PDB file of N, CA and C in Angstrom:
ATOM      1  N   UNK A   1      22.582  20.041 -40.694  1.00  0.00           N
ATOM      2  CA  UNK A   1      21.829  19.831 -39.452  1.00  0.00           C
ATOM      3  C   UNK A   1      20.933  21.021 -39.141  1.00  0.00           C
ATOM      4  N   UNK A   2      19.807  20.747 -38.502  1.00  0.00           N
ATOM      5  CA  UNK A   2      18.893  21.827 -38.140  1.00  0.00           C
ATOM      6  C   UNK A   2      19.362  22.567 -36.895  1.00  0.00           C
ATOM      7  N   UNK A   3      20.039  21.866 -35.994  1.00  0.00           N
ATOM      8  CA  UNK A   3      20.583  22.478 -34.785  1.00  0.00           C
ATOM      9  C   UNK A   3      21.963  21.908 -34.519  1.00  0.00           C
ATOM     10  N   UNK A   4      22.778  22.710 -33.848  1.00  0.00           N
ATOM     11  CA  UNK A   4      24.106  22.275 -33.435  1.00  0.00           C
ATOM     12  C   UNK A   4      24.185  22.452 -31.928  1.00  0.00           C
ATOM     13  N   UNK A   5      24.681  21.428 -31.244  1.00  0.00           N
ATOM     14  CA  UNK A   5      24.850  21.497 -29.796  1.00  0.00           C
ATOM     15  C   UNK A   5      26.339  21.384 -29.500  1.00  0.00           C
ATOM     16  N   UNK A   6      26.894  22.424 -28.879  1.00  0.00           N
ATOM     17  CA  UNK A   6      28.282  22.402 -28.436  1.00  0.00           C
ATOM     18  C   UNK A   6      28.271  22.123 -26.942  1.00  0.00           C
ATOM     19  N   UNK A   7      29.093  21.166 -26.526  1.00  0.00           N
ATOM     20  CA  UNK A   7      29.079  20.731 -25.135  1.00  0.00           C
ATOM     21  C   UNK A   7      30.494  20.748 -24.585  1.00  0.00           C
ATOM     22  N   UNK A   8      30.672  21.368 -23.425  1.00  0.00           N
ATOM     23  CA  UNK A   8      31.943  21.313 -22.714  1.00  0.00           C
ATOM     24  C   UNK A   8      31.630  21.230 -21.233  1.00  0.00           C
ATOM     25  N   UNK A   9      32.039  20.149 -20.615  1.00  0.00           N
ATOM     26  CA  UNK A   9      31.780  19.892 -19.194  1.00  0.00           C
ATOM     27  C   UNK A   9      30.272  20.009 -18.927  1.00  0.00           C
ATOM     28  N   UNK A  10      29.869  21.003 -18.129  1.00  0.00           N
ATOM     29  CA  UNK A  10      28.444  21.158 -17.834  1.00  0.00           C
ATOM     30  C   UNK A  10      27.832  22.355 -18.557  1.00  0.00           C
ATOM     31  N   UNK A  11      28.494  22.833 -19.600  1.00  0.00           N
ATOM     32  CA  UNK A  11      27.981  23.949 -20.399  1.00  0.00           C
ATOM     33  C   UNK A  11      27.525  23.445 -21.764  1.00  0.00           C
ATOM     34  N   UNK A  12      26.365  23.904 -22.180  1.00  0.00           N
ATOM     35  CA  UNK A  12      25.822  23.563 -23.496  1.00  0.00           C
ATOM     36  C   UNK A  12      25.526  24.846 -24.253  1.00  0.00           C
ATOM     37  N   UNK A  13      25.797  24.835 -25.543  1.00  0.00           N
ATOM     38  CA  UNK A  13      25.420  25.937 -26.417  1.00  0.00           C
ATOM     39  C   UNK A  13      24.628  25.336 -27.562  1.00  0.00           C
ATOM     40  N   UNK A  14      23.411  25.811 -27.742  1.00  0.00           N
ATOM     41  CA  UNK A  14      22.547  25.315 -28.814  1.00  0.00           C
ATOM     42  C   UNK A  14      22.425  26.410 -29.861  1.00  0.00           C
ATOM     43  N   UNK A  15      22.739  26.066 -31.099  1.00  0.00           N
ATOM     44  CA  UNK A  15      22.628  27.017 -32.209  1.00  0.00           C
ATOM     45  C   UNK A  15      21.710  26.420 -33.263  1.00  0.00           C
ATOM     46  N   UNK A  16      20.852  27.252 -33.822  1.00  0.00           N
ATOM     47  CA  UNK A  16      19.922  26.800 -34.862  1.00  0.00           C
ATOM     48  C   UNK A  16      19.665  27.954 -35.817  1.00  0.00           C
ATOM     49  N   UNK A  17      19.173  27.615 -36.995  1.00  0.00           N
ATOM     50  CA  UNK A  17      18.943  28.651 -38.001  1.00  0.00           C
ATOM     51  C   UNK A  17      17.678  29.458 -37.732  1.00  0.00           C
ATOM     52  N   UNK A  18      16.747  28.909 -36.951  1.00  0.00           N
ATOM     53  CA  UNK A  18      15.530  29.651 -36.609  1.00  0.00           C
ATOM     54  C   UNK A  18      15.288  29.589 -35.104  1.00  0.00           C
ATOM     55  N   UNK A  19      14.577  30.575 -34.608  1.00  0.00           N
ATOM     56  CA  UNK A  19      14.227  30.617 -33.189  1.00  0.00           C
ATOM     57  C   UNK A  19      13.374  29.410 -32.813  1.00  0.00           C
ATOM     58  N   UNK A  20      12.446  29.045 -33.673  1.00  0.00           N
ATOM     59  CA  UNK A  20      11.566  27.908 -33.401  1.00  0.00           C
ATOM     60  C   UNK A  20      12.368  26.616 -33.271  1.00  0.00           C
ATOM     61  N   UNK A  21      13.299  26.400 -34.187  1.00  0.00           N
ATOM     62  CA  UNK A  21      14.123  25.188 -34.136  1.00  0.00           C
ATOM     63  C   UNK A  21      14.990  25.173 -32.882  1.00  0.00           C
ATOM     64  N   UNK A  22      15.530  26.331 -32.501  1.00  0.00           N
ATOM     65  CA  UNK A  22      16.347  26.415 -31.298  1.00  0.00           C
ATOM     66  C   UNK A  22      15.519  26.060 -30.069  1.00  0.00           C
ATOM     67  N   UNK A  23      14.301  26.591 -29.985  1.00  0.00           N
ATOM     68  CA  UNK A  23      13.434  26.307 -28.838  1.00  0.00           C
ATOM     69  C   UNK A  23      13.053  24.833 -28.780  1.00  0.00           C
ATOM     70  N   UNK A  24      12.763  24.233 -29.925  1.00  0.00           N
ATOM     71  CA  UNK A  24      12.426  22.807 -29.953  1.00  0.00           C
ATOM     72  C   UNK A  24      13.608  21.960 -29.494  1.00  0.00           C
ATOM     73  N   UNK A  25      14.797  22.315 -29.966  1.00  0.00           N
ATOM     74  CA  UNK A  25      15.994  21.578 -29.566  1.00  0.00           C
ATOM     75  C   UNK A  25      16.258  21.759 -28.079  1.00  0.00           C
ATOM     76  N   UNK A  26      16.151  22.995 -27.591  1.00  0.00           N
ATOM     77  CA  UNK A  26      16.359  23.261 -26.165  1.00  0.00           C
ATOM     78  C   UNK A  26      15.384  22.462 -25.324  1.00  0.00           C
ATOM     79  N   UNK A  27      14.111  22.462 -25.701  1.00  0.00           N
ATOM     80  CA  UNK A  27      13.112  21.721 -24.933  1.00  0.00           C
ATOM     81  C   UNK A  27      13.410  20.228 -24.924  1.00  0.00           C
ATOM     82  N   UNK A  28      13.856  19.687 -26.044  1.00  0.00           N
ATOM     83  CA  UNK A  28      14.206  18.265 -26.119  1.00  0.00           C
ATOM     84  C   UNK A  28      15.414  17.949 -25.243  1.00  0.00           C
ATOM     85  N   UNK A  29      16.426  18.813 -25.302  1.00  0.00           N
ATOM     86  CA  UNK A  29      17.632  18.603 -24.503  1.00  0.00           C
ATOM     87  C   UNK A  29      17.303  18.681 -23.014  1.00  0.00           C
ATOM     88  N   UNK A  30      16.544  19.685 -22.614  1.00  0.00           N
ATOM     89  CA  UNK A  30      16.162  19.831 -21.206  1.00  0.00           C
ATOM     90  C   UNK A  30      15.365  18.618 -20.739  1.00  0.00           C
ATOM     91  N   UNK A  31      14.439  18.148 -21.550  1.00  0.00           N
ATOM     92  CA  UNK A  31      13.635  16.979 -21.183  1.00  0.00           C
ATOM     93  C   UNK A  31      14.512  15.744 -20.998  1.00  0.00           C
ATOM     94  N   UNK A  32      15.471  15.533 -21.889  1.00  0.00           N
ATOM     95  CA  UNK A  32      16.355  14.369 -21.787  1.00  0.00           C
ATOM     96  C   UNK A  32      17.259  14.462 -20.563  1.00  0.00           C
ATOM     97  N   UNK A  33      17.743  15.654 -20.268  1.00  0.00           N
ATOM     98  CA  UNK A  33      18.595  15.839 -19.091  1.00  0.00           C
ATOM     99  C   UNK A  33      17.805  15.537 -17.822  1.00  0.00           C
ATOM    100  N   UNK A  34      16.584  16.050 -17.747  1.00  0.00           N
ATOM    101  CA  UNK A  34      15.744  15.792 -16.574  1.00  0.00           C
ATOM    102  C   UNK A  34      15.355  14.321 -16.488  1.00  0.00           C
ATOM    103  N   UNK A  35      15.108  13.697 -17.640  1.00  0.00           N
ATOM    104  CA  UNK A  35      14.759  12.281 -17.678  1.00  0.00           C
ATOM    105  C   UNK A  35      15.899  11.418 -17.129  1.00  0.00           C
ATOM    106  N   UNK A  36      17.126  11.882 -17.320  1.00  0.00           N
ATOM    107  CA  UNK A  36      18.299  11.169 -16.816  1.00  0.00           C
ATOM    108  C   UNK A  36      18.515  11.407 -15.321  1.00  0.00           C
ATOM    109  N   UNK A  37      17.649  12.229 -14.715  1.00  0.00           N
ATOM    110  CA  UNK A  37      17.745  12.478 -13.285  1.00  0.00           C
ATOM    111  C   UNK A  37      18.670  13.615 -12.900  1.00  0.00           C
ATOM    112  N   UNK A  38      19.105  14.383 -13.877  1.00  0.00           N
ATOM    113  CA  UNK A  38      19.981  15.514 -13.593  1.00  0.00           C
ATOM    114  C   UNK A  38      19.152  16.774 -13.377  1.00  0.00           C
ATOM    115  N   UNK A  39      19.739  17.734 -12.696  1.00  0.00           N
ATOM    116  CA  UNK A  39      19.037  18.971 -12.362  1.00  0.00           C
ATOM    117  C   UNK A  39      19.615  20.115 -13.195  1.00  0.00           C
ATOM    118  N   UNK A  40      18.733  20.936 -13.724  1.00  0.00           N
ATOM    119  CA  UNK A  40      19.138  22.120 -14.488  1.00  0.00           C
ATOM    120  C   UNK A  40      18.686  23.354 -13.720  1.00  0.00           C
ATOM    121  N   UNK A  41      19.606  24.281 -13.530  1.00  0.00           N
ATOM    122  CA  UNK A  41      19.255  25.551 -12.918  1.00  0.00           C
ATOM    123  C   UNK A  41      18.623  26.427 -14.000  1.00  0.00           C
ATOM    124  N   UNK A  42      17.328  26.629 -13.903  1.00  0.00           N
ATOM    125  CA  UNK A  42      16.612  27.409 -14.926  1.00  0.00           C
ATOM    126  C   UNK A  42      17.180  28.821 -15.056  1.00  0.00           C
ATOM    127  N   UNK A  43      17.727  29.366 -13.965  1.00  0.00           N
ATOM    128  CA  UNK A  43      18.282  30.719 -14.026  1.00  0.00           C
ATOM    129  C   UNK A  43      19.557  30.783 -14.868  1.00  0.00           C
ATOM    130  N   UNK A  44      20.173  29.648 -15.137  1.00  0.00           N
ATOM    131  CA  UNK A  44      21.389  29.612 -15.948  1.00  0.00           C
ATOM    132  C   UNK A  44      21.100  29.534 -17.443  1.00  0.00           C
ATOM    133  N   UNK A  45      19.854  29.290 -17.822  1.00  0.00           N
ATOM    134  CA  UNK A  45      19.501  29.212 -19.239  1.00  0.00           C
ATOM    135  C   UNK A  45      19.438  30.634 -19.793  1.00  0.00           C
ATOM    136  N   UNK A  46      20.273  30.917 -20.779  1.00  0.00           N
ATOM    137  CA  UNK A  46      20.331  32.245 -21.382  1.00  0.00           C
ATOM    138  C   UNK A  46      19.517  32.235 -22.671  1.00  0.00           C
ATOM    139  N   UNK A  47      18.469  33.021 -22.702  1.00  0.00           N
ATOM    140  CA  UNK A  47      17.583  33.012 -23.866  1.00  0.00           C
ATOM    141  C   UNK A  47      17.754  34.217 -24.773  1.00  0.00           C
ATOM    142  N   UNK A  48      18.389  35.266 -24.277  1.00  0.00           N
ATOM    143  CA  UNK A  48      18.550  36.470 -25.096  1.00  0.00           C
ATOM    144  C   UNK A  48      20.018  36.885 -25.147  1.00  0.00           C
ATOM    145  N   UNK A  49      20.378  37.555 -26.230  1.00  0.00           N
ATOM    146  CA  UNK A  49      21.755  38.031 -26.405  1.00  0.00           C
ATOM    147  C   UNK A  49      22.034  39.175 -25.436  1.00  0.00           C
ATOM    148  N   UNK A  50      23.268  39.334 -25.026  1.00  0.00           N
ATOM    149  CA  UNK A  50      24.421  38.519 -25.384  1.00  0.00           C
ATOM    150  C   UNK A  50      24.474  37.244 -24.543  1.00  0.00           C
ATOM    151  N   UNK A  51      24.917  36.174 -25.188  1.00  0.00           N
ATOM    152  CA  UNK A  51      25.065  34.901 -24.489  1.00  0.00           C
ATOM    153  C   UNK A  51      26.513  34.769 -24.057  1.00  0.00           C
ATOM    154  N   UNK A  52      26.740  34.204 -22.881  1.00  0.00           N
ATOM    155  CA  UNK A  52      28.104  33.998 -22.390  1.00  0.00           C
ATOM    156  C   UNK A  52      28.387  32.505 -22.389  1.00  0.00           C
ATOM    157  N   UNK A  53      29.509  32.125 -23.013  1.00  0.00           N
ATOM    158  CA  UNK A  53      29.865  30.716 -23.135  1.00  0.00           C
ATOM    159  C   UNK A  53      31.378  30.572 -23.120  1.00  0.00           C
ATOM    160  N   UNK A  54      31.888  29.902 -22.108  1.00  0.00           N
ATOM    161  CA  UNK A  54      33.312  29.573 -21.993  1.00  0.00           C
ATOM    162  C   UNK A  54      34.223  30.790 -22.149  1.00  0.00           C
ATOM    163  N   UNK A  55      33.856  31.885 -21.504  1.00  0.00           N
ATOM    164  CA  UNK A  55      34.696  33.079 -21.546  1.00  0.00           C
ATOM    165  C   UNK A  55      34.481  33.973 -22.751  1.00  0.00           C
ATOM    166  N   UNK A  56      33.464  33.666 -23.564  1.00  0.00           N
ATOM    167  CA  UNK A  56      33.162  34.455 -24.751  1.00  0.00           C
ATOM    168  C   UNK A  56      31.777  35.064 -24.631  1.00  0.00           C
ATOM    169  N   UNK A  57      31.590  36.211 -25.230  1.00  0.00           N
ATOM    170  CA  UNK A  57      30.286  36.863 -25.298  1.00  0.00           C
ATOM    171  C   UNK A  57      29.824  36.795 -26.744  1.00  0.00           C
ATOM    172  N   UNK A  58      28.677  36.160 -26.961  1.00  0.00           N
ATOM    173  CA  UNK A  58      28.166  35.942 -28.309  1.00  0.00           C
ATOM    174  C   UNK A  58      26.920  36.780 -28.549  1.00  0.00           C
ATOM    175  N   UNK A  59      26.846  37.382 -29.738  1.00  0.00           N
ATOM    176  CA  UNK A  59      25.627  38.040 -30.197  1.00  0.00           C
ATOM    177  C   UNK A  59      25.316  37.466 -31.575  1.00  0.00           C
ATOM    178  N   UNK A  60      24.262  37.962 -32.193  1.00  0.00           N
ATOM    179  CA  UNK A  60      23.925  37.489 -33.535  1.00  0.00           C
ATOM    180  C   UNK A  60      25.000  37.866 -34.552  1.00  0.00           C
ATOM    181  N   UNK A  61      25.759  38.944 -34.272  1.00  0.00           N
ATOM    182  CA  UNK A  61      26.741  39.437 -35.235  1.00  0.00           C
ATOM    183  C   UNK A  61      28.194  39.217 -34.837  1.00  0.00           C
ATOM    184  N   UNK A  62      28.467  38.928 -33.566  1.00  0.00           N
ATOM    185  CA  UNK A  62      29.871  38.893 -33.156  1.00  0.00           C
ATOM    186  C   UNK A  62      30.136  37.899 -32.032  1.00  0.00           C
ATOM    187  N   UNK A  63      31.413  37.570 -31.916  1.00  0.00           N
ATOM    188  CA  UNK A  63      31.914  36.764 -30.807  1.00  0.00           C
ATOM    189  C   UNK A  63      33.151  37.485 -30.288  1.00  0.00           C
ATOM    190  N   UNK A  64      33.104  37.917 -29.030  1.00  0.00           N
ATOM    191  CA  UNK A  64      34.231  38.642 -28.441  1.00  0.00           C
ATOM    192  C   UNK A  64      34.529  38.061 -27.062  1.00  0.00           C
ATOM    193  N   UNK A  65      35.780  38.190 -26.608  1.00  0.00           N
ATOM    194  CA  UNK A  65      36.093  37.702 -25.262  1.00  0.00           C
ATOM    195  C   UNK A  65      35.321  38.494 -24.213  1.00  0.00           C
ATOM    196  N   UNK A  66      34.933  37.806 -23.141  1.00  0.00           N
ATOM    197  CA  UNK A  66      34.289  38.503 -22.031  1.00  0.00           C
ATOM    198  C   UNK A  66      35.333  39.370 -21.339  1.00  0.00           C
ATOM    199  N   UNK A  67      34.900  40.499 -20.824  1.00  0.00           N
ATOM    200  CA  UNK A  67      35.809  41.365 -20.085  1.00  0.00           C
ATOM    201  C   UNK A  67      36.130  40.708 -18.750  1.00  0.00           C
ATOM    202  N   UNK A  68      37.386  40.800 -18.384  1.00  0.00           N
ATOM    203  CA  UNK A  68      37.837  40.245 -17.112  1.00  0.00           C
ATOM    204  C   UNK A  68      38.046  41.395 -16.148  1.00  0.00           C
ATOM    205  N   UNK A  69      37.486  41.277 -14.966  1.00  0.00           N
ATOM    206  CA  UNK A  69      37.681  42.284 -13.939  1.00  0.00           C
ATOM    207  C   UNK A  69      38.509  41.676 -12.822  1.00  0.00           C
ATOM    208  N   UNK A  70      39.621  42.311 -12.532  1.00  0.00           N
ATOM    209  CA  UNK A  70      40.480  41.848 -11.451  1.00  0.00           C
ATOM    210  C   UNK A  70      40.392  42.864 -10.327  1.00  0.00           C
ATOM    211  N   UNK A  71      39.937  42.397  -9.189  1.00  0.00           N
ATOM    212  CA  UNK A  71      39.844  43.279  -8.024  1.00  0.00           C
ATOM    213  C   UNK A  71      41.200  43.312  -7.339  1.00  0.00           C
ATOM    214  N   UNK A  72      41.733  44.491  -7.203  1.00  0.00           N
ATOM    215  CA  UNK A  72      43.041  44.634  -6.575  1.00  0.00           C
ATOM    216  C   UNK A  72      42.968  45.318  -5.223  1.00  0.00           C
ATOM    217  N   UNK A  73      41.777  45.700  -4.785  1.00  0.00           N
ATOM    218  CA  UNK A  73      41.654  46.431  -3.526  1.00  0.00           C
ATOM    219  C   UNK A  73      42.039  45.593  -2.310  1.00  0.00           C
ATOM    220  N   UNK A  74      41.903  44.273  -2.381  1.00  0.00           N
ATOM    221  CA  UNK A  74      42.232  43.428  -1.234  1.00  0.00           C
ATOM    222  C   UNK A  74      43.506  42.613  -1.462  1.00  0.00           C
ATOM    223  N   UNK A  75      44.255  42.918  -2.518  1.00  0.00           N
ATOM    224  CA  UNK A  75      45.472  42.169  -2.824  1.00  0.00           C
ATOM    225  C   UNK A  75      46.656  42.814  -2.122  1.00  0.00           C
ATOM    226  N   UNK A  76      47.293  42.024  -1.253  1.00  0.00           N
ATOM    227  CA  UNK A  76      48.490  42.515  -0.579  1.00  0.00           C
ATOM    228  C   UNK A  76      49.674  41.579  -0.789  1.00  0.00           C
ATOM    229  N   UNK A  77      49.370  40.311  -1.104  1.00  0.00           N
ATOM    230  CA  UNK A  77      50.431  39.332  -1.320  1.00  0.00           C
ATOM    231  C   UNK A  77      50.149  38.559  -2.606  1.00  0.00           C
ATOM    232  N   UNK A  78      51.147  37.821  -3.072  1.00  0.00           N
ATOM    233  CA  UNK A  78      50.966  36.973  -4.245  1.00  0.00           C
ATOM    234  C   UNK A  78      49.895  35.921  -3.974  1.00  0.00           C
ATOM    235  N   UNK A  79      49.849  35.409  -2.758  1.00  0.00           N
ATOM    236  CA  UNK A  79      48.829  34.417  -2.385  1.00  0.00           C
ATOM    237  C   UNK A  79      47.425  35.013  -2.525  1.00  0.00           C
ATOM    238  N   UNK A  80      47.240  36.261  -2.101  1.00  0.00           N
ATOM    239  CA  UNK A  80      45.940  36.932  -2.256  1.00  0.00           C
ATOM    240  C   UNK A  80      45.558  37.024  -3.728  1.00  0.00           C
ATOM    241  N   UNK A  81      46.521  37.320  -4.581  1.00  0.00           N
ATOM    242  CA  UNK A  81      46.258  37.461  -6.008  1.00  0.00           C
ATOM    243  C   UNK A  81      45.826  36.137  -6.628  1.00  0.00           C
ATOM    244  N   UNK A  82      46.359  35.033  -6.133  1.00  0.00           N
ATOM    245  CA  UNK A  82      46.041  33.720  -6.678  1.00  0.00           C
ATOM    246  C   UNK A  82      44.687  33.203  -6.208  1.00  0.00           C
ATOM    247  N   UNK A  83      44.078  33.848  -5.260  1.00  0.00           N
ATOM    248  CA  UNK A  83      42.788  33.400  -4.730  1.00  0.00           C
ATOM    249  C   UNK A  83      41.733  33.522  -5.749  1.00  0.00           C
TER     250      UNK A  83
END
C-alpha cells in the first residue's frame, strides 16, 4: 500500500513512504470527513514530528511512551487523585 491509515475512535494516524503521498492521503481523508458533514479541528492536525498518538510519541526513528505528569500539589484525598 502507498499509505496506511490507523484509526482508533476519533484519532487517525496516516503513514506513507513519501511526504507527497502522505499529504495526498491526508487531503483525501479530510475531504471525505468534511463531505460526511463532520468537523475537523485544524489545530489538532499534527504535521511535524514528534507526533502524539494514543499515548505514544512518534518520530521518524522512534516510538516512545509519552511522559505522564501527575500534579500532586492539590491532592489531599484519594478522590482528588482520581479526578
